[in-house]
C-alpha atoms as a PDB file:
ATOM      1  CA  UNK A   1      32.731  65.971 158.579  1.00  0.00           C
ATOM      2  CA  UNK A   2      33.159  65.519 154.637  1.00  0.00           C
ATOM      3  CA  UNK A   3      36.591  67.313 155.240  1.00  0.00           C
ATOM      4  CA  UNK A   4      38.018  64.208 157.336  1.00  0.00           C
ATOM      5  CA  UNK A   5      37.963  61.988 154.134  1.00  0.00           C
ATOM      6  CA  UNK A   6      41.274  61.733 152.998  1.00  0.00           C
ATOM      7  CA  UNK A   7      41.575  58.355 151.548  1.00  0.00           C
ATOM      8  CA  UNK A   8      40.807  59.730 147.732  1.00  0.00           C
ATOM      9  CA  UNK A   9      43.858  61.782 148.109  1.00  0.00           C
ATOM     10  CA  UNK A  10      45.989  58.894 149.504  1.00  0.00           C
ATOM     11  CA  UNK A  11      44.974  56.673 146.742  1.00  0.00           C
ATOM     12  CA  UNK A  12      45.760  59.637 143.941  1.00  0.00           C
ATOM     13  CA  UNK A  13      49.268  60.036 146.284  1.00  0.00           C
ATOM     14  CA  UNK A  14      50.000  56.237 146.120  1.00  0.00           C
ATOM     15  CA  UNK A  15      49.617  56.456 142.256  1.00  0.00           C
ATOM     16  CA  UNK A  16      51.962  59.048 141.765  1.00  0.00           C
ATOM     17  CA  UNK A  17      54.137  57.311 144.013  1.00  0.00           C
ATOM     18  CA  UNK A  18      54.123  54.252 142.662  1.00  0.00           C
ATOM     19  CA  UNK A  19      54.707  55.207 138.912  1.00  0.00           C
ATOM     20  CA  UNK A  20      57.591  57.273 139.891  1.00  0.00           C
ATOM     21  CA  UNK A  21      59.469  54.841 141.803  1.00  0.00           C
ATOM     22  CA  UNK A  22      59.341  52.543 139.082  1.00  0.00           C
ATOM     23  CA  UNK A  23      59.991  54.400 136.410  1.00  0.00           C
ATOM     24  CA  UNK A  24      62.783  55.783 138.767  1.00  0.00           C
ATOM     25  CA  UNK A  25      64.279  52.096 138.845  1.00  0.00           C
ATOM     26  CA  UNK A  26      63.692  51.315 135.306  1.00  0.00           C
ATOM     27  CA  UNK A  27      65.514  54.236 134.023  1.00  0.00           C
ATOM     28  CA  UNK A  28      68.680  53.644 136.368  1.00  0.00           C
ATOM     29  CA  UNK A  29      68.498  50.052 134.968  1.00  0.00           C
ATOM     30  CA  UNK A  30      67.390  47.910 138.051  1.00  0.00           C
ATOM     31  CA  UNK A  31      65.329  44.935 137.194  1.00  0.00           C
ATOM     32  CA  UNK A  32      61.531  45.485 138.164  1.00  0.00           C
ATOM     33  CA  UNK A  33      60.054  42.745 140.080  1.00  0.00           C
ATOM     34  CA  UNK A  34      56.462  41.782 137.916  1.00  0.00           C
ATOM     35  CA  UNK A  35      54.794  40.687 140.963  1.00  0.00           C
ATOM     36  CA  UNK A  36      55.351  43.402 143.386  1.00  0.00           C
ATOM     37  CA  UNK A  37      54.494  45.874 140.806  1.00  0.00           C
ATOM     38  CA  UNK A  38      51.417  43.655 139.767  1.00  0.00           C
ATOM     39  CA  UNK A  39      50.369  43.783 143.562  1.00  0.00           C
ATOM     40  CA  UNK A  40      50.678  47.486 143.696  1.00  0.00           C
ATOM     41  CA  UNK A  41      48.749  48.159 140.792  1.00  0.00           C
ATOM     42  CA  UNK A  42      46.290  45.524 141.954  1.00  0.00           C
ATOM     43  CA  UNK A  43      45.893  47.846 145.035  1.00  0.00           C
ATOM     44  CA  UNK A  44      45.413  50.953 143.188  1.00  0.00           C
ATOM     45  CA  UNK A  45      42.785  49.603 140.901  1.00  0.00           C
ATOM     46  CA  UNK A  46      40.800  48.457 143.936  1.00  0.00           C
ATOM     47  CA  UNK A  47      41.527  51.883 145.203  1.00  0.00           C
ATOM     48  CA  UNK A  48      40.349  53.781 141.720  1.00  0.00           C
ATOM     49  CA  UNK A  49      37.434  51.364 140.909  1.00  0.00           C
ATOM     50  CA  UNK A  50      35.921  49.135 143.627  1.00  0.00           C
ATOM     51  CA  UNK A  51      36.378  51.280 146.600  1.00  0.00           C
ATOM     52  CA  UNK A  52      34.245  54.400 145.248  1.00  0.00           C
ATOM     53  CA  UNK A  53      31.403  52.096 144.233  1.00  0.00           C
ATOM     54  CA  UNK A  54      31.602  50.308 148.086  1.00  0.00           C
ATOM     55  CA  UNK A  55      31.915  53.595 149.431  1.00  0.00           C
ATOM     56  CA  UNK A  56      28.768  54.768 147.996  1.00  0.00           C
ATOM     57  CA  UNK A  57      26.666  51.969 148.534  1.00  0.00           C
ATOM     58  CA  UNK A  58      27.899  51.438 152.222  1.00  0.00           C
ATOM     59  CA  UNK A  59      29.077  54.213 153.513  1.00  0.00           C
ATOM     60  CA  UNK A  60      27.004  57.162 152.753  1.00  0.00           C
ATOM     61  CA  UNK A  61      22.922  57.640 153.474  1.00  0.00           C
ATOM     62  CA  UNK A  62      20.688  58.302 151.078  1.00  0.00           C
ATOM     63  CA  UNK A  63      20.679  61.876 151.472  1.00  0.00           C
ATOM     64  CA  UNK A  64      24.220  61.508 150.187  1.00  0.00           C
ATOM     65  CA  UNK A  65      26.233  61.963 153.682  1.00  0.00           C
ATOM     66  CA  UNK A  66      28.615  60.197 155.425  1.00  0.00           C
ATOM     67  CA  UNK A  67      27.220  57.838 157.859  1.00  0.00           C
ATOM     68  CA  UNK A  68      29.442  58.261 161.114  1.00  0.00           C
ATOM     69  CA  UNK A  69      32.990  59.336 162.253  1.00  0.00           C
ATOM     70  CA  UNK A  70      33.529  55.523 162.560  1.00  0.00           C
ATOM     71  CA  UNK A  71      33.023  55.146 158.126  1.00  0.00           C
ATOM     72  CA  UNK A  72      35.306  58.322 158.141  1.00  0.00           C
ATOM     73  CA  UNK A  73      38.204  56.317 160.103  1.00  0.00           C
ATOM     74  CA  UNK A  74      37.636  52.829 158.210  1.00  0.00           C
ATOM     75  CA  UNK A  75      37.634  54.442 155.193  1.00  0.00           C
ATOM     76  CA  UNK A  76      40.958  56.529 155.710  1.00  0.00           C
ATOM     77  CA  UNK A  77      42.773  53.416 157.098  1.00  0.00           C
ATOM     78  CA  UNK A  78      42.028  51.438 154.044  1.00  0.00           C
ATOM     79  CA  UNK A  79      43.306  54.678 151.981  1.00  0.00           C
ATOM     80  CA  UNK A  80      46.438  54.738 154.199  1.00  0.00           C
ATOM     81  CA  UNK A  81      46.814  51.130 153.571  1.00  0.00           C
ATOM     82  CA  UNK A  82      46.983  51.163 149.807  1.00  0.00           C
ATOM     83  CA  UNK A  83      49.500  54.582 149.792  1.00  0.00           C
ATOM     84  CA  UNK A  84      51.838  52.582 151.926  1.00  0.00           C
ATOM     85  CA  UNK A  85      51.728  49.281 149.937  1.00  0.00           C
ATOM     86  CA  UNK A  86      52.216  51.515 146.956  1.00  0.00           C
ATOM     87  CA  UNK A  87      55.121  53.031 148.889  1.00  0.00           C
ATOM     88  CA  UNK A  88      56.747  49.879 149.740  1.00  0.00           C
ATOM     89  CA  UNK A  89      56.315  48.566 146.336  1.00  0.00           C
ATOM     90  CA  UNK A  90      58.413  51.650 144.872  1.00  0.00           C
ATOM     91  CA  UNK A  91      60.938  51.234 147.722  1.00  0.00           C
ATOM     92  CA  UNK A  92      61.628  47.489 147.176  1.00  0.00           C
ATOM     93  CA  UNK A  93      61.827  48.078 143.315  1.00  0.00           C
ATOM     94  CA  UNK A  94      64.570  50.993 144.012  1.00  0.00           C
ATOM     95  CA  UNK A  95      66.100  48.402 146.344  1.00  0.00           C
ATOM     96  CA  UNK A  96      65.946  50.874 149.425  1.00  0.00           C
END
């Protein structure tokens, strides 16, 4: 069951995508909207700091195993939402 947990990979991919897209926009001389980038970084902050703590407390039992498939699915959906929000912010910054 543990092999189906992808949210960590998606949050890392989101951070890489946001940084690359923001750097691309700034190197091309495009204005970077502060609010959009701040929102993207807030999503990443939640994914890297708050989410692991909540996951450990709420989604795992005392023996360190994830509780159910429902928990895995919800974690993956949250990770996917963070990845998509970072991609949208990066695309908006670049004017795509």
